[in-house]
Amino acid sequence: MRPSASALDFFRLWSEHCGTPLTPFWDNVRGWWNVRHLPNVKFVHFNDLKADLAGEMRGIAKFLDISLAPQDFERAVSNCTFDYMKAHAELGQDCAYWLAHGTKVKISPHAL
């Protein structure tokens, strides 16, 4: 599957092919849905993140048994906002490239 200049065209093609080449999307979703009751699985809804990003991130941190100093937590919340990610889109390019090419994900240290 070749990327399209149009995000909508790419999404349609991607969804028609069940997420290929990145992942068999619906099989992946169904698999996680089937184990949602397990204590080591946490579902996070996008609308909940939009409504209360800091609160949801606190819940994720608690689930993962992660504690951050207040200033680090506030920075993490700030860096997870749409506005921040849009303004710093170049930081996510490494991750998108490696995911699309089926190799290990490379996360930029500047993204943290």
PDB file of N, CA and C in Angstrom:
ATOM      1  N   MET A   1       0.860  -1.172   0.000  1.00  0.00           N
ATOM      2  CA  MET A   1       0.000   0.000   0.000  1.00  0.00           C
ATOM      3  C   MET A   1       0.899   1.225   0.000  1.00  0.00           C
ATOM      4  N   ARG A   2       0.658   2.131  -0.916  1.00  0.00           N
ATOM      5  CA  ARG A   2       1.438   3.360  -1.010  1.00  0.00           C
ATOM      6  C   ARG A   2       0.698   4.482  -0.298  1.00  0.00           C
ATOM      7  N   PRO A   3       1.428   5.314   0.439  1.00  0.00           N
ATOM      8  CA  PRO A   3       0.784   6.452   1.097  1.00  0.00           C
ATOM      9  C   PRO A   3       0.202   7.413   0.075  1.00  0.00           C
ATOM     10  N   SER A   4      -0.901   7.990   0.423  1.00  0.00           N
ATOM     11  CA  SER A   4      -1.565   8.977  -0.422  1.00  0.00           C
ATOM     12  C   SER A   4      -1.253  10.361   0.113  1.00  0.00           C
ATOM     13  N   ALA A   5      -1.324  11.344  -0.757  1.00  0.00           N
ATOM     14  CA  ALA A   5      -1.142  12.728  -0.315  1.00  0.00           C
ATOM     15  C   ALA A   5      -2.305  13.152   0.575  1.00  0.00           C
ATOM     16  N   SER A   6      -3.444  12.490   0.434  1.00  0.00           N
ATOM     17  CA  SER A   6      -4.628  12.823   1.210  1.00  0.00           C
ATOM     18  C   SER A   6      -4.737  11.890   2.422  1.00  0.00           C
ATOM     19  N   ALA A   7      -4.833  12.474   3.608  1.00  0.00           N
ATOM     20  CA  ALA A   7      -4.980  11.667   4.822  1.00  0.00           C
ATOM     21  C   ALA A   7      -6.270  10.846   4.773  1.00  0.00           C
ATOM     22  N   LEU A   8      -7.334  11.431   4.242  1.00  0.00           N
ATOM     23  CA  LEU A   8      -8.605  10.709   4.163  1.00  0.00           C
ATOM     24  C   LEU A   8      -8.494   9.522   3.211  1.00  0.00           C
ATOM     25  N   ASP A   9      -7.858   9.721   2.058  1.00  0.00           N
ATOM     26  CA  ASP A   9      -7.663   8.608   1.124  1.00  0.00           C
ATOM     27  C   ASP A   9      -6.822   7.508   1.751  1.00  0.00           C
ATOM     28  N   PHE A  10      -5.748   7.911   2.455  1.00  0.00           N
ATOM     29  CA  PHE A  10      -4.885   6.932   3.109  1.00  0.00           C
ATOM     30  C   PHE A  10      -5.675   6.154   4.154  1.00  0.00           C
ATOM     31  N   PHE A  11      -6.487   6.856   4.965  1.00  0.00           N
ATOM     32  CA  PHE A  11      -7.266   6.170   5.995  1.00  0.00           C
ATOM     33  C   PHE A  11      -8.241   5.186   5.368  1.00  0.00           C
ATOM     34  N   ARG A  12      -8.911   5.604   4.306  1.00  0.00           N
ATOM     35  CA  ARG A  12      -9.864   4.683   3.646  1.00  0.00           C
ATOM     36  C   ARG A  12      -9.161   3.441   3.127  1.00  0.00           C
ATOM     37  N   LEU A  13      -8.026   3.621   2.458  1.00  0.00           N
ATOM     38  CA  LEU A  13      -7.273   2.487   1.945  1.00  0.00           C
ATOM     39  C   LEU A  13      -6.783   1.610   3.090  1.00  0.00           C
ATOM     40  N   TRP A  14      -6.274   2.256   4.136  1.00  0.00           N
ATOM     41  CA  TRP A  14      -5.775   1.535   5.301  1.00  0.00           C
ATOM     42  C   TRP A  14      -6.880   0.719   5.954  1.00  0.00           C
ATOM     43  N   SER A  15      -8.068   1.323   6.128  1.00  0.00           N
ATOM     44  CA  SER A  15      -9.155   0.610   6.791  1.00  0.00           C
ATOM     45  C   SER A  15      -9.701  -0.517   5.921  1.00  0.00           C
ATOM     46  N   GLU A  16      -9.694  -0.343   4.591  1.00  0.00           N
ATOM     47  CA  GLU A  16     -10.139  -1.405   3.691  1.00  0.00           C
ATOM     48  C   GLU A  16      -9.224  -2.620   3.767  1.00  0.00           C
ATOM     49  N   HIS A  17      -7.965  -2.390   4.081  1.00  0.00           N
ATOM     50  CA  HIS A  17      -6.987  -3.469   4.160  1.00  0.00           C
ATOM     51  C   HIS A  17      -6.679  -3.846   5.603  1.00  0.00           C
ATOM     52  N   CYS A  18      -7.585  -3.496   6.497  1.00  0.00           N
ATOM     53  CA  CYS A  18      -7.493  -3.898   7.906  1.00  0.00           C
ATOM     54  C   CYS A  18      -6.197  -3.441   8.557  1.00  0.00           C
ATOM     55  N   GLY A  19      -5.720  -2.248   8.197  1.00  0.00           N
ATOM     56  CA  GLY A  19      -4.549  -1.697   8.855  1.00  0.00           C
ATOM     57  C   GLY A  19      -3.224  -2.059   8.220  1.00  0.00           C
ATOM     58  N   THR A  20      -3.238  -2.923   7.230  1.00  0.00           N
ATOM     59  CA  THR A  20      -1.996  -3.322   6.573  1.00  0.00           C
ATOM     60  C   THR A  20      -1.367  -2.108   5.927  1.00  0.00           C
ATOM     61  N   PRO A  21      -0.087  -1.887   6.007  1.00  0.00           N
ATOM     62  CA  PRO A  21       0.960  -2.788   6.481  1.00  0.00           C
ATOM     63  C   PRO A  21       1.285  -2.622   7.959  1.00  0.00           C
ATOM     64  N   LEU A  22       0.637  -1.700   8.655  1.00  0.00           N
ATOM     65  CA  LEU A  22       1.025  -1.432  10.039  1.00  0.00           C
ATOM     66  C   LEU A  22       0.567  -2.524  10.990  1.00  0.00           C
ATOM     67  N   THR A  23      -0.669  -2.934  10.901  1.00  0.00           N
ATOM     68  CA  THR A  23      -1.189  -3.963  11.797  1.00  0.00           C
ATOM     69  C   THR A  23      -2.566  -4.387  11.291  1.00  0.00           C
ATOM     70  N   PRO A  24      -2.978  -5.606  11.553  1.00  0.00           N
ATOM     71  CA  PRO A  24      -4.364  -5.988  11.252  1.00  0.00           C
ATOM     72  C   PRO A  24      -5.273  -5.313  12.280  1.00  0.00           C
ATOM     73  N   PHE A  25      -5.721  -4.125  11.964  1.00  0.00           N
ATOM     74  CA  PHE A  25      -6.359  -3.226  12.928  1.00  0.00           C
ATOM     75  C   PHE A  25      -7.509  -3.858  13.695  1.00  0.00           C
ATOM     76  N   TRP A  26      -8.535  -4.351  13.004  1.00  0.00           N
ATOM     77  CA  TRP A  26      -9.721  -4.828  13.719  1.00  0.00           C
ATOM     78  C   TRP A  26      -9.428  -6.089  14.507  1.00  0.00           C
ATOM     79  N   ASP A  27      -8.542  -6.937  14.018  1.00  0.00           N
ATOM     80  CA  ASP A  27      -8.143  -8.103  14.806  1.00  0.00           C
ATOM     81  C   ASP A  27      -7.434  -7.661  16.078  1.00  0.00           C
ATOM     82  N   ASN A  28      -6.611  -6.633  15.978  1.00  0.00           N
ATOM     83  CA  ASN A  28      -5.908  -6.091  17.131  1.00  0.00           C
ATOM     84  C   ASN A  28      -6.908  -5.541  18.156  1.00  0.00           C
ATOM     85  N   VAL A  29      -7.848  -4.722  17.706  1.00  0.00           N
ATOM     86  CA  VAL A  29      -8.855  -4.145  18.600  1.00  0.00           C
ATOM     87  C   VAL A  29      -9.676  -5.253  19.261  1.00  0.00           C
ATOM     88  N   ARG A  30     -10.127  -6.214  18.461  1.00  0.00           N
ATOM     89  CA  ARG A  30     -10.942  -7.316  18.991  1.00  0.00           C
ATOM     90  C   ARG A  30     -10.155  -8.116  20.035  1.00  0.00           C
ATOM     91  N   GLY A  31      -8.886  -8.355  19.770  1.00  0.00           N
ATOM     92  CA  GLY A  31      -8.067  -9.108  20.716  1.00  0.00           C
ATOM     93  C   GLY A  31      -7.946  -8.410  22.056  1.00  0.00           C
ATOM     94  N   TRP A  32      -7.699  -7.089  22.030  1.00  0.00           N
ATOM     95  CA  TRP A  32      -7.609  -6.343  23.288  1.00  0.00           C
ATOM     96  C   TRP A  32      -8.969  -6.237  23.964  1.00  0.00           C
ATOM     97  N   TRP A  33     -10.031  -6.084  23.192  1.00  0.00           N
ATOM     98  CA  TRP A  33     -11.372  -6.008  23.782  1.00  0.00           C
ATOM     99  C   TRP A  33     -11.702  -7.304  24.522  1.00  0.00           C
ATOM    100  N   ASN A  34     -11.272  -8.416  23.957  1.00  0.00           N
ATOM    101  CA  ASN A  34     -11.559  -9.711  24.573  1.00  0.00           C
ATOM    102  C   ASN A  34     -10.842  -9.921  25.905  1.00  0.00           C
ATOM    103  N   VAL A  35      -9.783  -9.172  26.168  1.00  0.00           N
ATOM    104  CA  VAL A  35      -9.045  -9.329  27.424  1.00  0.00           C
ATOM    105  C   VAL A  35      -9.148  -8.086  28.303  1.00  0.00           C
ATOM    106  N   ARG A  36     -10.121  -7.233  28.027  1.00  0.00           N
ATOM    107  CA  ARG A  36     -10.251  -5.955  28.739  1.00  0.00           C
ATOM    108  C   ARG A  36     -10.467  -6.116  30.240  1.00  0.00           C
ATOM    109  N   HIS A  37     -10.956  -7.257  30.667  1.00  0.00           N
ATOM    110  CA  HIS A  37     -11.226  -7.493  32.085  1.00  0.00           C
ATOM    111  C   HIS A  37      -9.972  -7.863  32.877  1.00  0.00           C
ATOM    112  N   LEU A  38      -8.871  -8.160  32.203  1.00  0.00           N
ATOM    113  CA  LEU A  38      -7.653  -8.572  32.905  1.00  0.00           C
ATOM    114  C   LEU A  38      -7.053  -7.401  33.675  1.00  0.00           C
ATOM    115  N   PRO A  39      -6.417  -7.683  34.808  1.00  0.00           N
ATOM    116  CA  PRO A  39      -5.898  -6.591  35.640  1.00  0.00           C
ATOM    117  C   PRO A  39      -4.717  -5.840  35.034  1.00  0.00           C
ATOM    118  N   ASN A  40      -4.082  -6.390  34.013  1.00  0.00           N
ATOM    119  CA  ASN A  40      -2.939  -5.713  33.399  1.00  0.00           C
ATOM    120  C   ASN A  40      -3.297  -5.060  32.061  1.00  0.00           C
ATOM    121  N   VAL A  41      -4.584  -4.826  31.822  1.00  0.00           N
ATOM    122  CA  VAL A  41      -5.052  -4.163  30.605  1.00  0.00           C
ATOM    123  C   VAL A  41      -5.871  -2.946  31.011  1.00  0.00           C
ATOM    124  N   LYS A  42      -5.554  -1.818  30.431  1.00  0.00           N
ATOM    125  CA  LYS A  42      -6.297  -0.590  30.720  1.00  0.00           C
ATOM    126  C   LYS A  42      -6.735   0.030  29.399  1.00  0.00           C
ATOM    127  N   PHE A  43      -8.014   0.266  29.259  1.00  0.00           N
ATOM    128  CA  PHE A  43      -8.543   0.971  28.104  1.00  0.00           C
ATOM    129  C   PHE A  43      -8.671   2.447  28.455  1.00  0.00           C
ATOM    130  N   VAL A  44      -8.285   3.286  27.535  1.00  0.00           N
ATOM    131  CA  VAL A  44      -8.392   4.730  27.710  1.00  0.00           C
ATOM    132  C   VAL A  44      -9.170   5.262  26.518  1.00  0.00           C
ATOM    133  N   HIS A  45     -10.237   5.987  26.774  1.00  0.00           N
ATOM    134  CA  HIS A  45     -11.070   6.515  25.710  1.00  0.00           C
ATOM    135  C   HIS A  45     -10.619   7.917  25.319  1.00  0.00           C
ATOM    136  N   PHE A  46     -10.545   8.164  24.037  1.00  0.00           N
ATOM    137  CA  PHE A  46     -10.109   9.457  23.521  1.00  0.00           C
ATOM    138  C   PHE A  46     -10.933  10.609  24.088  1.00  0.00           C
ATOM    139  N   ASN A  47     -12.250  10.442  24.176  1.00  0.00           N
ATOM    140  CA  ASN A  47     -13.102  11.514  24.696  1.00  0.00           C
ATOM    141  C   ASN A  47     -12.787  11.830  26.154  1.00  0.00           C
ATOM    142  N   ASP A  48     -12.413  10.800  26.920  1.00  0.00           N
ATOM    143  CA  ASP A  48     -12.022  11.037  28.316  1.00  0.00           C
ATOM    144  C   ASP A  48     -10.714  11.819  28.377  1.00  0.00           C
ATOM    145  N   LEU A  49      -9.779  11.508  27.485  1.00  0.00           N
ATOM    146  CA  LEU A  49      -8.524  12.258  27.420  1.00  0.00           C
ATOM    147  C   LEU A  49      -8.787  13.712  27.063  1.00  0.00           C
ATOM    148  N   LYS A  50      -9.690  13.946  26.116  1.00  0.00           N
ATOM    149  CA  LYS A  50     -10.013  15.317  25.730  1.00  0.00           C
ATOM    150  C   LYS A  50     -10.680  16.081  26.866  1.00  0.00           C
ATOM    151  N   ALA A  51     -11.539  15.399  27.596  1.00  0.00           N
ATOM    152  CA  ALA A  51     -12.293  16.060  28.661  1.00  0.00           C
ATOM    153  C   ALA A  51     -11.436  16.357  29.886  1.00  0.00           C
ATOM    154  N   ASP A  52     -10.500  15.459  30.223  1.00  0.00           N
ATOM    155  CA  ASP A  52      -9.696  15.626  31.434  1.00  0.00           C
ATOM    156  C   ASP A  52      -8.349  14.941  31.243  1.00  0.00           C
ATOM    157  N   LEU A  53      -7.492  15.557  30.460  1.00  0.00           N
ATOM    158  CA  LEU A  53      -6.199  14.961  30.135  1.00  0.00           C
ATOM    159  C   LEU A  53      -5.384  14.668  31.395  1.00  0.00           C
ATOM    160  N   ALA A  54      -5.267  15.631  32.280  1.00  0.00           N
ATOM    161  CA  ALA A  54      -4.466  15.431  33.495  1.00  0.00           C
ATOM    162  C   ALA A  54      -5.039  14.294  34.351  1.00  0.00           C
ATOM    163  N   GLY A  55      -6.347  14.257  34.502  1.00  0.00           N
ATOM    164  CA  GLY A  55      -6.967  13.202  35.303  1.00  0.00           C
ATOM    165  C   GLY A  55      -6.749  11.825  34.698  1.00  0.00           C
ATOM    166  N   GLU A  56      -6.896  11.722  33.388  1.00  0.00           N
ATOM    167  CA  GLU A  56      -6.673  10.435  32.721  1.00  0.00           C
ATOM    168  C   GLU A  56      -5.212  10.018  32.821  1.00  0.00           C
ATOM    169  N   MET A  57      -4.304  10.997  32.683  1.00  0.00           N
ATOM    170  CA  MET A  57      -2.881  10.672  32.805  1.00  0.00           C
ATOM    171  C   MET A  57      -2.534  10.231  34.216  1.00  0.00           C
ATOM    172  N   ARG A  58      -3.204  10.808  35.218  1.00  0.00           N
ATOM    173  CA  ARG A  58      -3.007  10.339  36.598  1.00  0.00           C
ATOM    174  C   ARG A  58      -3.441   8.878  36.722  1.00  0.00           C
ATOM    175  N   GLY A  59      -4.580   8.562  36.109  1.00  0.00           N
ATOM    176  CA  GLY A  59      -5.072   7.183  36.143  1.00  0.00           C
ATOM    177  C   GLY A  59      -4.132   6.221  35.430  1.00  0.00           C
ATOM    178  N   ILE A  60      -3.562   6.635  34.314  1.00  0.00           N
ATOM    179  CA  ILE A  60      -2.605   5.797  33.584  1.00  0.00           C
ATOM    180  C   ILE A  60      -1.345   5.610  34.418  1.00  0.00           C
ATOM    181  N   ALA A  61      -0.855   6.704  35.012  1.00  0.00           N
ATOM    182  CA  ALA A  61       0.347   6.615  35.851  1.00  0.00           C
ATOM    183  C   ALA A  61       0.113   5.675  37.038  1.00  0.00           C
ATOM    184  N   LYS A  62      -1.055   5.778  37.657  1.00  0.00           N
ATOM    185  CA  LYS A  62      -1.379   4.898  38.787  1.00  0.00           C
ATOM    186  C   LYS A  62      -1.414   3.445  38.327  1.00  0.00           C
ATOM    187  N   PHE A  63      -2.044   3.202  37.176  1.00  0.00           N
ATOM    188  CA  PHE A  63      -2.140   1.856  36.618  1.00  0.00           C
ATOM    189  C   PHE A  63      -0.746   1.279  36.368  1.00  0.00           C
ATOM    190  N   LEU A  64       0.179   2.115  35.899  1.00  0.00           N
ATOM    191  CA  LEU A  64       1.542   1.674  35.585  1.00  0.00           C
ATOM    192  C   LEU A  64       2.489   1.781  36.786  1.00  0.00           C
ATOM    193  N   ASP A  65       1.957   2.239  37.922  1.00  0.00           N
ATOM    194  CA  ASP A  65       2.744   2.424  39.139  1.00  0.00           C
ATOM    195  C   ASP A  65       3.927   3.359  38.892  1.00  0.00           C
ATOM    196  N   ILE A  66       3.615   4.498  38.249  1.00  0.00           N
ATOM    197  CA  ILE A  66       4.613   5.519  37.945  1.00  0.00           C
ATOM    198  C   ILE A  66       4.284   6.753  38.768  1.00  0.00           C
ATOM    199  N   SER A  67       5.315   7.298  39.389  1.00  0.00           N
ATOM    200  CA  SER A  67       5.107   8.566  40.087  1.00  0.00           C
ATOM    201  C   SER A  67       6.070   9.593  39.508  1.00  0.00           C
ATOM    202  N   LEU A  68       5.593  10.791  39.344  1.00  0.00           N
ATOM    203  CA  LEU A  68       6.389  11.897  38.819  1.00  0.00           C
ATOM    204  C   LEU A  68       6.313  13.065  39.782  1.00  0.00           C
ATOM    205  N   ALA A  69       7.391  13.816  39.828  1.00  0.00           N
ATOM    206  CA  ALA A  69       7.360  15.067  40.587  1.00  0.00           C
ATOM    207  C   ALA A  69       6.312  15.969  39.940  1.00  0.00           C
ATOM    208  N   PRO A  70       5.649  16.820  40.722  1.00  0.00           N
ATOM    209  CA  PRO A  70       4.583  17.660  40.160  1.00  0.00           C
ATOM    210  C   PRO A  70       4.997  18.432  38.907  1.00  0.00           C
ATOM    211  N   GLN A  71       6.196  19.010  38.881  1.00  0.00           N
ATOM    212  CA  GLN A  71       6.614  19.778  37.711  1.00  0.00           C
ATOM    213  C   GLN A  71       6.821  18.857  36.497  1.00  0.00           C
ATOM    214  N   ASP A  72       7.279  17.627  36.719  1.00  0.00           N
ATOM    215  CA  ASP A  72       7.445  16.679  35.618  1.00  0.00           C
ATOM    216  C   ASP A  72       6.092  16.215  35.088  1.00  0.00           C
ATOM    217  N   PHE A  73       5.140  16.020  36.015  1.00  0.00           N
ATOM    218  CA  PHE A  73       3.803  15.616  35.595  1.00  0.00           C
ATOM    219  C   PHE A  73       3.156  16.720  34.758  1.00  0.00           C
ATOM    220  N   GLU A  74       3.260  17.953  35.207  1.00  0.00           N
ATOM    221  CA  GLU A  74       2.673  19.071  34.449  1.00  0.00           C
ATOM    222  C   GLU A  74       3.305  19.194  33.073  1.00  0.00           C
ATOM    223  N   ARG A  75       4.613  18.972  32.990  1.00  0.00           N
ATOM    224  CA  ARG A  75       5.292  19.015  31.689  1.00  0.00           C
ATOM    225  C   ARG A  75       4.792  17.874  30.795  1.00  0.00           C
ATOM    226  N   ALA A  76       4.642  16.691  31.366  1.00  0.00           N
ATOM    227  CA  ALA A  76       4.138  15.553  30.593  1.00  0.00           C
ATOM    228  C   ALA A  76       2.737  15.842  30.059  1.00  0.00           C
ATOM    229  N   VAL A  77       1.876  16.401  30.902  1.00  0.00           N
ATOM    230  CA  VAL A  77       0.519  16.746  30.462  1.00  0.00           C
ATOM    231  C   VAL A  77       0.578  17.776  29.341  1.00  0.00           C
ATOM    232  N   SER A  78       1.388  18.794  29.527  1.00  0.00           N
ATOM    233  CA  SER A  78       1.529  19.831  28.502  1.00  0.00           C
ATOM    234  C   SER A  78       2.015  19.240  27.183  1.00  0.00           C
ATOM    235  N   ASN A  79       2.983  18.322  27.254  1.00  0.00           N
ATOM    236  CA  ASN A  79       3.537  17.721  26.037  1.00  0.00           C
ATOM    237  C   ASN A  79       2.581  16.755  25.353  1.00  0.00           C
ATOM    238  N   CYS A  80       1.514  16.367  26.028  1.00  0.00           N
ATOM    239  CA  CYS A  80       0.533  15.457  25.439  1.00  0.00           C
ATOM    240  C   CYS A  80      -0.676  16.181  24.850  1.00  0.00           C
ATOM    241  N   THR A  81      -0.687  17.492  24.913  1.00  0.00           N
ATOM    242  CA  THR A  81      -1.812  18.229  24.335  1.00  0.00           C
ATOM    243  C   THR A  81      -1.696  18.263  22.819  1.00  0.00           C
ATOM    244  N   PHE A  82      -2.831  18.389  22.163  1.00  0.00           N
ATOM    245  CA  PHE A  82      -2.852  18.478  20.709  1.00  0.00           C
ATOM    246  C   PHE A  82      -2.048  19.679  20.234  1.00  0.00           C
ATOM    247  N   ASP A  83      -2.207  20.811  20.912  1.00  0.00           N
ATOM    248  CA  ASP A  83      -1.483  22.017  20.505  1.00  0.00           C
ATOM    249  C   ASP A  83       0.024  21.807  20.552  1.00  0.00           C
ATOM    250  N   TYR A  84       0.513  21.173  21.616  1.00  0.00           N
ATOM    251  CA  TYR A  84       1.954  20.924  21.725  1.00  0.00           C
ATOM    252  C   TYR A  84       2.420  19.982  20.621  1.00  0.00           C
ATOM    253  N   MET A  85       1.683  18.883  20.429  1.00  0.00           N
ATOM    254  CA  MET A  85       2.094  17.908  19.408  1.00  0.00           C
ATOM    255  C   MET A  85       2.049  18.507  18.011  1.00  0.00           C
ATOM    256  N   LYS A  86       1.051  19.333  17.750  1.00  0.00           N
ATOM    257  CA  LYS A  86       0.965  19.976  16.440  1.00  0.00           C
ATOM    258  C   LYS A  86       2.146  20.930  16.240  1.00  0.00           C
ATOM    259  N   ALA A  87       2.503  21.678  17.268  1.00  0.00           N
ATOM    260  CA  ALA A  87       3.612  22.625  17.175  1.00  0.00           C
ATOM    261  C   ALA A  87       4.965  21.918  17.087  1.00  0.00           C
ATOM    262  N   HIS A  88       5.031  20.672  17.534  1.00  0.00           N
ATOM    263  CA  HIS A  88       6.287  19.926  17.544  1.00  0.00           C
ATOM    264  C   HIS A  88       6.172  18.631  16.739  1.00  0.00           C
ATOM    265  N   ALA A  89       5.439  18.678  15.650  1.00  0.00           N
ATOM    266  CA  ALA A  89       5.168  17.478  14.852  1.00  0.00           C
ATOM    267  C   ALA A  89       6.438  16.790  14.387  1.00  0.00           C
ATOM    268  N   GLU A  90       7.489  17.553  14.167  1.00  0.00           N
ATOM    269  CA  GLU A  90       8.728  16.950  13.678  1.00  0.00           C
ATOM    270  C   GLU A  90       9.309  15.953  14.673  1.00  0.00           C
ATOM    271  N   LEU A  91       8.984  16.085  15.947  1.00  0.00           N
ATOM    272  CA  LEU A  91       9.498  15.159  16.952  1.00  0.00           C
ATOM    273  C   LEU A  91       8.909  13.769  16.797  1.00  0.00           C
ATOM    274  N   GLY A  92       7.744  13.658  16.206  1.00  0.00           N
ATOM    275  CA  GLY A  92       7.104  12.359  16.017  1.00  0.00           C
ATOM    276  C   GLY A  92       7.458  11.688  14.715  1.00  0.00           C
ATOM    277  N   GLN A  93       8.218  12.354  13.866  1.00  0.00           N
ATOM    278  CA  GLN A  93       8.527  11.787  12.557  1.00  0.00           C
ATOM    279  C   GLN A  93       9.319  10.495  12.654  1.00  0.00           C
ATOM    280  N   ASP A  94      10.273  10.416  13.573  1.00  0.00           N
ATOM    281  CA  ASP A  94      11.060   9.193  13.704  1.00  0.00           C
ATOM    282  C   ASP A  94      10.158   8.010  14.005  1.00  0.00           C
ATOM    283  N   CYS A  95       9.237   8.194  14.940  1.00  0.00           N
ATOM    284  CA  CYS A  95       8.338   7.119  15.343  1.00  0.00           C
ATOM    285  C   CYS A  95       7.468   6.679  14.170  1.00  0.00           C
ATOM    286  N   ALA A  96       6.871   7.622  13.460  1.00  0.00           N
ATOM    287  CA  ALA A  96       6.008   7.291  12.326  1.00  0.00           C
ATOM    288  C   ALA A  96       6.798   6.567  11.242  1.00  0.00           C
ATOM    289  N   TYR A  97       8.015   7.003  10.998  1.00  0.00           N
ATOM    290  CA  TYR A  97       8.839   6.357   9.972  1.00  0.00           C
ATOM    291  C   TYR A  97       9.103   4.905  10.323  1.00  0.00           C
ATOM    292  N   TRP A  98       9.525   4.660  11.560  1.00  0.00           N
ATOM    293  CA  TRP A  98       9.887   3.298  11.937  1.00  0.00           C
ATOM    294  C   TRP A  98       8.668   2.390  12.002  1.00  0.00           C
ATOM    295  N   LEU A  99       7.545   2.919  12.446  1.00  0.00           N
ATOM    296  CA  LEU A  99       6.327   2.108  12.449  1.00  0.00           C
ATOM    297  C   LEU A  99       5.934   1.728  11.028  1.00  0.00           C
ATOM    298  N   ALA A 100       6.018   2.673  10.117  1.00  0.00           N
ATOM    299  CA  ALA A 100       5.613   2.426   8.731  1.00  0.00           C
ATOM    300  C   ALA A 100       6.546   1.453   8.029  1.00  0.00           C
ATOM    301  N   HIS A 101       7.780   1.357   8.481  1.00  0.00           N
ATOM    302  CA  HIS A 101       8.747   0.493   7.817  1.00  0.00           C
ATOM    303  C   HIS A 101       9.003  -0.806   8.570  1.00  0.00           C
ATOM    304  N   GLY A 102       8.203  -1.082   9.564  1.00  0.00           N
ATOM    305  CA  GLY A 102       8.242  -2.378  10.227  1.00  0.00           C
ATOM    306  C   GLY A 102       9.499  -2.661  11.029  1.00  0.00           C
ATOM    307  N   THR A 103      10.167  -1.646  11.500  1.00  0.00           N
ATOM    308  CA  THR A 103      11.342  -1.862  12.331  1.00  0.00           C
ATOM    309  C   THR A 103      11.094  -1.304  13.720  1.00  0.00           C
ATOM    310  N   LYS A 104      12.089  -1.410  14.564  1.00  0.00           N
ATOM    311  CA  LYS A 104      11.926  -0.936  15.933  1.00  0.00           C
ATOM    312  C   LYS A 104      11.599   0.544  15.957  1.00  0.00           C
ATOM    313  N   VAL A 105      10.749   0.914  16.880  1.00  0.00           N
ATOM    314  CA  VAL A 105      10.348   2.310  17.034  1.00  0.00           C
ATOM    315  C   VAL A 105      11.501   3.084  17.655  1.00  0.00           C
ATOM    316  N   LYS A 106      11.786   4.220  17.090  1.00  0.00           N
ATOM    317  CA  LYS A 106      12.808   5.109  17.624  1.00  0.00           C
ATOM    318  C   LYS A 106      12.097   6.334  18.189  1.00  0.00           C
ATOM    319  N   ILE A 107      12.216   6.547  19.464  1.00  0.00           N
ATOM    320  CA  ILE A 107      11.556   7.690  20.097  1.00  0.00           C
ATOM    321  C   ILE A 107      12.588   8.771  20.328  1.00  0.00           C
ATOM    322  N   SER A 108      12.289   9.928  19.870  1.00  0.00           N
ATOM    323  CA  SER A 108      13.196  11.054  20.030  1.00  0.00           C
ATOM    324  C   SER A 108      13.300  11.442  21.496  1.00  0.00           C
ATOM    325  N   PRO A 109      14.516  11.615  22.021  1.00  0.00           N
ATOM    326  CA  PRO A 109      14.647  12.039  23.422  1.00  0.00           C
ATOM    327  C   PRO A 109      14.103  13.437  23.643  1.00  0.00           C
ATOM    328  N   HIS A 110      13.963  14.211  22.577  1.00  0.00           N
ATOM    329  CA  HIS A 110      13.420  15.560  22.699  1.00  0.00           C
ATOM    330  C   HIS A 110      11.914  15.550  22.948  1.00  0.00           C
ATOM    331  N   ALA A 111      11.261  14.421  22.700  1.00  0.00           N
ATOM    332  CA  ALA A 111       9.813  14.340  22.877  1.00  0.00           C
ATOM    333  C   ALA A 111       9.435  14.214  24.354  1.00  0.00           C
ATOM    334  N   LEU A 112      10.380  13.863  25.184  1.00  0.00           N
ATOM    335  CA  LEU A 112      10.085  13.661  26.604  1.00  0.00           C
ATOM    336  C   LEU A 112      10.245  14.922  27.398  1.00  0.00           C
TER     337      LEU A 112
END
